[in-house]
Amino acid sequence: MIENQTTTASIFIDKSVFEIFINKGEKVFSGRIFPHNDQNGIFITEGNPTGTYYELDYGRKTN
């Protein structure tokens, strides 16, 4: 548990794989999840989080 300190989290999600890096890798958590179609978000229950959301286009390129 991280209490009463500024904490950074980098969260990467791709279909069924996610990786979470706390404080630039001080703590790391990876996993797979198979959500239902209506489960399409992240819900934070504590603190006053701020952040930036980036959507990456990783589509396969063809010649």
PDB file of N, CA and C in Angstrom:
ATOM      1  N   MET A   1       0.842  -1.179   0.000  1.00  0.00           N
ATOM      2  CA  MET A   1       0.000   0.000   0.000  1.00  0.00           C
ATOM      3  C   MET A   1       0.886   1.241   0.000  1.00  0.00           C
ATOM      4  N   ILE A   2       0.533   2.210  -0.815  1.00  0.00           N
ATOM      5  CA  ILE A   2       1.255   3.477  -0.890  1.00  0.00           C
ATOM      6  C   ILE A   2       0.367   4.538  -0.260  1.00  0.00           C
ATOM      7  N   GLU A   3       0.858   5.127   0.819  1.00  0.00           N
ATOM      8  CA  GLU A   3       0.034   6.095   1.540  1.00  0.00           C
ATOM      9  C   GLU A   3       0.707   7.456   1.610  1.00  0.00           C
ATOM     10  N   ASN A   4      -0.093   8.510   1.493  1.00  0.00           N
ATOM     11  CA  ASN A   4       0.324   9.881   1.742  1.00  0.00           C
ATOM     12  C   ASN A   4       1.586  10.300   1.008  1.00  0.00           C
ATOM     13  N   GLN A   5       1.711   9.907  -0.239  1.00  0.00           N
ATOM     14  CA  GLN A   5       2.824  10.378  -1.047  1.00  0.00           C
ATOM     15  C   GLN A   5       2.369  10.498  -2.492  1.00  0.00           C
ATOM     16  N   THR A   6       3.037  11.371  -3.229  1.00  0.00           N
ATOM     17  CA  THR A   6       2.723  11.506  -4.641  1.00  0.00           C
ATOM     18  C   THR A   6       3.162  10.238  -5.350  1.00  0.00           C
ATOM     19  N   THR A   7       2.283   9.695  -6.158  1.00  0.00           N
ATOM     20  CA  THR A   7       2.544   8.438  -6.850  1.00  0.00           C
ATOM     21  C   THR A   7       2.218   8.610  -8.325  1.00  0.00           C
ATOM     22  N   THR A   8       3.068   8.052  -9.187  1.00  0.00           N
ATOM     23  CA  THR A   8       2.764   8.052 -10.613  1.00  0.00           C
ATOM     24  C   THR A   8       2.408   6.635 -11.038  1.00  0.00           C
ATOM     25  N   ALA A   9       1.516   6.541 -11.995  1.00  0.00           N
ATOM     26  CA  ALA A   9       1.134   5.240 -12.545  1.00  0.00           C
ATOM     27  C   ALA A   9       1.057   5.368 -14.059  1.00  0.00           C
ATOM     28  N   SER A  10       1.771   4.495 -14.743  1.00  0.00           N
ATOM     29  CA  SER A  10       1.655   4.385 -16.197  1.00  0.00           C
ATOM     30  C   SER A  10       0.920   3.090 -16.466  1.00  0.00           C
ATOM     31  N   ILE A  11      -0.214   3.183 -17.161  1.00  0.00           N
ATOM     32  CA  ILE A  11      -1.067   2.017 -17.395  1.00  0.00           C
ATOM     33  C   ILE A  11      -1.187   1.806 -18.898  1.00  0.00           C
ATOM     34  N   PHE A  12      -0.855   0.601 -19.338  1.00  0.00           N
ATOM     35  CA  PHE A  12      -0.933   0.241 -20.753  1.00  0.00           C
ATOM     36  C   PHE A  12      -1.928  -0.898 -20.898  1.00  0.00           C
ATOM     37  N   ILE A  13      -2.894  -0.727 -21.804  1.00  0.00           N
ATOM     38  CA  ILE A  13      -3.944  -1.729 -22.001  1.00  0.00           C
ATOM     39  C   ILE A  13      -4.069  -2.006 -23.494  1.00  0.00           C
ATOM     40  N   ASP A  14      -4.092  -3.294 -23.856  1.00  0.00           N
ATOM     41  CA  ASP A  14      -4.232  -3.699 -25.258  1.00  0.00           C
ATOM     42  C   ASP A  14      -5.110  -4.936 -25.320  1.00  0.00           C
ATOM     43  N   LYS A  15      -6.363  -4.762 -25.657  1.00  0.00           N
ATOM     44  CA  LYS A  15      -7.337  -5.865 -25.732  1.00  0.00           C
ATOM     45  C   LYS A  15      -7.406  -6.624 -24.411  1.00  0.00           C
ATOM     46  N   SER A  16      -6.613  -7.682 -24.234  1.00  0.00           N
ATOM     47  CA  SER A  16      -6.718  -8.496 -23.017  1.00  0.00           C
ATOM     48  C   SER A  16      -5.495  -8.393 -22.113  1.00  0.00           C
ATOM     49  N   VAL A  17      -4.476  -7.628 -22.494  1.00  0.00           N
ATOM     50  CA  VAL A  17      -3.245  -7.528 -21.711  1.00  0.00           C
ATOM     51  C   VAL A  17      -3.160  -6.143 -21.083  1.00  0.00           C
ATOM     52  N   PHE A  18      -2.733  -6.080 -19.814  1.00  0.00           N
ATOM     53  CA  PHE A  18      -2.495  -4.790 -19.182  1.00  0.00           C
ATOM     54  C   PHE A  18      -1.192  -4.828 -18.396  1.00  0.00           C
ATOM     55  N   GLU A  19      -0.543  -3.670 -18.304  1.00  0.00           N
ATOM     56  CA  GLU A  19       0.656  -3.514 -17.500  1.00  0.00           C
ATOM     57  C   GLU A  19       0.538  -2.199 -16.750  1.00  0.00           C
ATOM     58  N   ILE A  20       0.884  -2.223 -15.478  1.00  0.00           N
ATOM     59  CA  ILE A  20       0.825  -1.036 -14.636  1.00  0.00           C
ATOM     60  C   ILE A  20       2.205  -0.835 -14.022  1.00  0.00           C
ATOM     61  N   PHE A  21       2.766   0.361 -14.209  1.00  0.00           N
ATOM     62  CA  PHE A  21       4.071   0.703 -13.658  1.00  0.00           C
ATOM     63  C   PHE A  21       3.867   1.818 -12.632  1.00  0.00           C
ATOM     64  N   ILE A  22       4.181   1.551 -11.382  1.00  0.00           N
ATOM     65  CA  ILE A  22       4.051   2.532 -10.310  1.00  0.00           C
ATOM     66  C   ILE A  22       5.412   3.176 -10.080  1.00  0.00           C
ATOM     67  N   ASN A  23       5.425   4.512 -10.027  1.00  0.00           N
ATOM     68  CA  ASN A  23       6.661   5.272  -9.810  1.00  0.00           C
ATOM     69  C   ASN A  23       7.781   4.818 -10.739  1.00  0.00           C
ATOM     70  N   LYS A  24       7.488   4.802 -12.033  1.00  0.00           N
ATOM     71  CA  LYS A  24       8.466   4.483 -13.089  1.00  0.00           C
ATOM     72  C   LYS A  24       9.109   3.115 -12.908  1.00  0.00           C
ATOM     73  N   GLY A  25       8.347   2.146 -12.447  1.00  0.00           N
ATOM     74  CA  GLY A  25       8.838   0.775 -12.354  1.00  0.00           C
ATOM     75  C   GLY A  25       9.215   0.311 -10.964  1.00  0.00           C
ATOM     76  N   GLU A  26       9.017   1.148  -9.950  1.00  0.00           N
ATOM     77  CA  GLU A  26       9.291   0.724  -8.570  1.00  0.00           C
ATOM     78  C   GLU A  26       8.445  -0.497  -8.221  1.00  0.00           C
ATOM     79  N   LYS A  27       7.223  -0.484  -8.679  1.00  0.00           N
ATOM     80  CA  LYS A  27       6.305  -1.625  -8.574  1.00  0.00           C
ATOM     81  C   LYS A  27       5.725  -1.850  -9.963  1.00  0.00           C
ATOM     82  N   VAL A  28       5.589  -3.110 -10.368  1.00  0.00           N
ATOM     83  CA  VAL A  28       5.068  -3.447 -11.692  1.00  0.00           C
ATOM     84  C   VAL A  28       4.048  -4.559 -11.546  1.00  0.00           C
ATOM     85  N   PHE A  29       2.941  -4.432 -12.288  1.00  0.00           N
ATOM     86  CA  PHE A  29       1.903  -5.462 -12.273  1.00  0.00           C
ATOM     87  C   PHE A  29       1.450  -5.692 -13.703  1.00  0.00           C
ATOM     88  N   SER A  30       1.457  -6.938 -14.135  1.00  0.00           N
ATOM     89  CA  SER A  30       1.020  -7.304 -15.483  1.00  0.00           C
ATOM     90  C   SER A  30      -0.027  -8.394 -15.390  1.00  0.00           C
ATOM     91  N   GLY A  31      -0.909  -8.440 -16.361  1.00  0.00           N
ATOM     92  CA  GLY A  31      -1.916  -9.492 -16.345  1.00  0.00           C
ATOM     93  C   GLY A  31      -2.722  -9.537 -17.620  1.00  0.00           C
ATOM     94  N   ARG A  32      -3.602 -10.516 -17.656  1.00  0.00           N
ATOM     95  CA  ARG A  32      -4.544 -10.657 -18.772  1.00  0.00           C
ATOM     96  C   ARG A  32      -5.946 -10.680 -18.205  1.00  0.00           C
ATOM     97  N   ILE A  33      -6.847 -10.091 -18.951  1.00  0.00           N
ATOM     98  CA  ILE A  33      -8.240 -10.045 -18.538  1.00  0.00           C
ATOM     99  C   ILE A  33      -9.102 -10.163 -19.794  1.00  0.00           C
ATOM    100  N   PHE A  34     -10.231 -10.787 -19.664  1.00  0.00           N
ATOM    101  CA  PHE A  34     -11.139 -10.970 -20.790  1.00  0.00           C
ATOM    102  C   PHE A  34     -12.484 -10.340 -20.429  1.00  0.00           C
ATOM    103  N   PRO A  35     -12.583  -9.007 -20.585  1.00  0.00           N
ATOM    104  CA  PRO A  35     -13.797  -8.299 -20.172  1.00  0.00           C
ATOM    105  C   PRO A  35     -14.966  -8.530 -21.123  1.00  0.00           C
ATOM    106  N   HIS A  36     -16.163  -8.296 -20.598  1.00  0.00           N
ATOM    107  CA  HIS A  36     -17.365  -8.288 -21.428  1.00  0.00           C
ATOM    108  C   HIS A  36     -17.378  -6.986 -22.231  1.00  0.00           C
ATOM    109  N   ASN A  37     -18.154  -6.922 -23.279  1.00  0.00           N
ATOM    110  CA  ASN A  37     -18.198  -5.735 -24.142  1.00  0.00           C
ATOM    111  C   ASN A  37     -18.551  -4.456 -23.392  1.00  0.00           C
ATOM    112  N   ASP A  38     -19.366  -4.542 -22.340  1.00  0.00           N
ATOM    113  CA  ASP A  38     -19.764  -3.342 -21.603  1.00  0.00           C
ATOM    114  C   ASP A  38     -18.744  -2.944 -20.532  1.00  0.00           C
ATOM    115  N   GLN A  39     -17.692  -3.703 -20.359  1.00  0.00           N
ATOM    116  CA  GLN A  39     -16.634  -3.376 -19.398  1.00  0.00           C
ATOM    117  C   GLN A  39     -15.492  -2.719 -20.164  1.00  0.00           C
ATOM    118  N   ASN A  40     -15.581  -1.397 -20.305  1.00  0.00           N
ATOM    119  CA  ASN A  40     -14.645  -0.696 -21.177  1.00  0.00           C
ATOM    120  C   ASN A  40     -14.030   0.537 -20.529  1.00  0.00           C
ATOM    121  N   GLY A  41     -13.778   0.505 -19.236  1.00  0.00           N
ATOM    122  CA  GLY A  41     -13.207   1.662 -18.568  1.00  0.00           C
ATOM    123  C   GLY A  41     -12.392   1.287 -17.354  1.00  0.00           C
ATOM    124  N   ILE A  42     -11.822   2.302 -16.741  1.00  0.00           N
ATOM    125  CA  ILE A  42     -11.046   2.155 -15.508  1.00  0.00           C
ATOM    126  C   ILE A  42     -11.702   3.043 -14.466  1.00  0.00           C
ATOM    127  N   PHE A  43     -11.883   2.527 -13.274  1.00  0.00           N
ATOM    128  CA  PHE A  43     -12.519   3.279 -12.197  1.00  0.00           C
ATOM    129  C   PHE A  43     -11.545   3.382 -11.030  1.00  0.00           C
ATOM    130  N   ILE A  44     -11.204   4.603 -10.615  1.00  0.00           N
ATOM    131  CA  ILE A  44     -10.294   4.837  -9.495  1.00  0.00           C
ATOM    132  C   ILE A  44     -11.126   5.254  -8.303  1.00  0.00           C
ATOM    133  N   THR A  45     -10.940   4.568  -7.166  1.00  0.00           N
ATOM    134  CA  THR A  45     -11.815   4.772  -6.018  1.00  0.00           C
ATOM    135  C   THR A  45     -11.240   5.656  -4.917  1.00  0.00           C
ATOM    136  N   GLU A  46      -9.972   6.025  -4.986  1.00  0.00           N
ATOM    137  CA  GLU A  46      -9.356   6.824  -3.923  1.00  0.00           C
ATOM    138  C   GLU A  46      -8.577   7.995  -4.508  1.00  0.00           C
ATOM    139  N   GLY A  47      -8.422   9.047  -3.719  1.00  0.00           N
ATOM    140  CA  GLY A  47      -7.563  10.162  -4.094  1.00  0.00           C
ATOM    141  C   GLY A  47      -8.167  11.081  -5.131  1.00  0.00           C
ATOM    142  N   ASN A  48      -7.323  11.962  -5.653  1.00  0.00           N
ATOM    143  CA  ASN A  48      -7.703  12.933  -6.680  1.00  0.00           C
ATOM    144  C   ASN A  48      -6.799  12.747  -7.892  1.00  0.00           C
ATOM    145  N   PRO A  49      -7.025  11.697  -8.662  1.00  0.00           N
ATOM    146  CA  PRO A  49      -6.107  11.406  -9.766  1.00  0.00           C
ATOM    147  C   PRO A  49      -6.206  12.425 -10.899  1.00  0.00           C
ATOM    148  N   THR A  50      -5.082  12.673 -11.533  1.00  0.00           N
ATOM    149  CA  THR A  50      -5.020  13.478 -12.744  1.00  0.00           C
ATOM    150  C   THR A  50      -4.232  12.674 -13.770  1.00  0.00           C
ATOM    151  N   GLY A  51      -4.382  12.995 -15.019  1.00  0.00           N
ATOM    152  CA  GLY A  51      -3.610  12.254 -16.004  1.00  0.00           C
ATOM    153  C   GLY A  51      -3.967  12.624 -17.421  1.00  0.00           C
ATOM    154  N   THR A  52      -3.329  11.931 -18.328  1.00  0.00           N
ATOM    155  CA  THR A  52      -3.525  12.121 -19.756  1.00  0.00           C
ATOM    156  C   THR A  52      -3.808  10.776 -20.384  1.00  0.00           C
ATOM    157  N   TYR A  53      -4.782  10.745 -21.267  1.00  0.00           N
ATOM    158  CA  TYR A  53      -5.162   9.520 -21.972  1.00  0.00           C
ATOM    159  C   TYR A  53      -4.669   9.629 -23.405  1.00  0.00           C
ATOM    160  N   TYR A  54      -3.957   8.616 -23.852  1.00  0.00           N
ATOM    161  CA  TYR A  54      -3.489   8.557 -25.237  1.00  0.00           C
ATOM    162  C   TYR A  54      -4.041   7.297 -25.875  1.00  0.00           C
ATOM    163  N   GLU A  55      -4.622   7.442 -27.044  1.00  0.00           N
ATOM    164  CA  GLU A  55      -5.066   6.276 -27.794  1.00  0.00           C
ATOM    165  C   GLU A  55      -4.086   6.068 -28.939  1.00  0.00           C
ATOM    166  N   LEU A  56      -3.493   4.891 -28.988  1.00  0.00           N
ATOM    167  CA  LEU A  56      -2.484   4.600 -29.994  1.00  0.00           C
ATOM    168  C   LEU A  56      -3.088   3.819 -31.143  1.00  0.00           C
ATOM    169  N   ASP A  57      -2.710   4.163 -32.359  1.00  0.00           N
ATOM    170  CA  ASP A  57      -3.136   3.425 -33.544  1.00  0.00           C
ATOM    171  C   ASP A  57      -1.990   2.509 -33.943  1.00  0.00           C
ATOM    172  N   TYR A  58      -2.156   1.243 -33.677  1.00  0.00           N
ATOM    173  CA  TYR A  58      -1.086   0.287 -33.932  1.00  0.00           C
ATOM    174  C   TYR A  58      -1.434  -0.629 -35.099  1.00  0.00           C
ATOM    175  N   GLY A  59      -2.335  -0.186 -35.961  1.00  0.00           N
ATOM    176  CA  GLY A  59      -2.785  -1.008 -37.082  1.00  0.00           C
ATOM    177  C   GLY A  59      -1.638  -1.536 -37.924  1.00  0.00           C
ATOM    178  N   ARG A  60      -1.826  -2.705 -38.450  1.00  0.00           N
ATOM    179  CA  ARG A  60      -0.794  -3.337 -39.272  1.00  0.00           C
ATOM    180  C   ARG A  60      -0.640  -2.565 -40.576  1.00  0.00           C
ATOM    181  N   LYS A  61       0.591  -2.243 -40.911  1.00  0.00           N
ATOM    182  CA  LYS A  61       0.897  -1.523 -42.148  1.00  0.00           C
ATOM    183  C   LYS A  61       1.146  -2.528 -43.265  1.00  0.00           C
ATOM    184  N   THR A  62       0.643  -2.223 -44.448  1.00  0.00           N
ATOM    185  CA  THR A  62       0.889  -3.083 -45.609  1.00  0.00           C
ATOM    186  C   THR A  62       1.601  -2.278 -46.681  1.00  0.00           C
ATOM    187  N   ASN A  63       2.372  -2.956 -47.502  1.00  0.00           N
ATOM    188  CA  ASN A  63       3.116  -2.276 -48.579  1.00  0.00           C
ATOM    189  C   ASN A  63       2.246  -2.043 -49.777  1.00  0.00           C
TER     190      ASN A  63
END
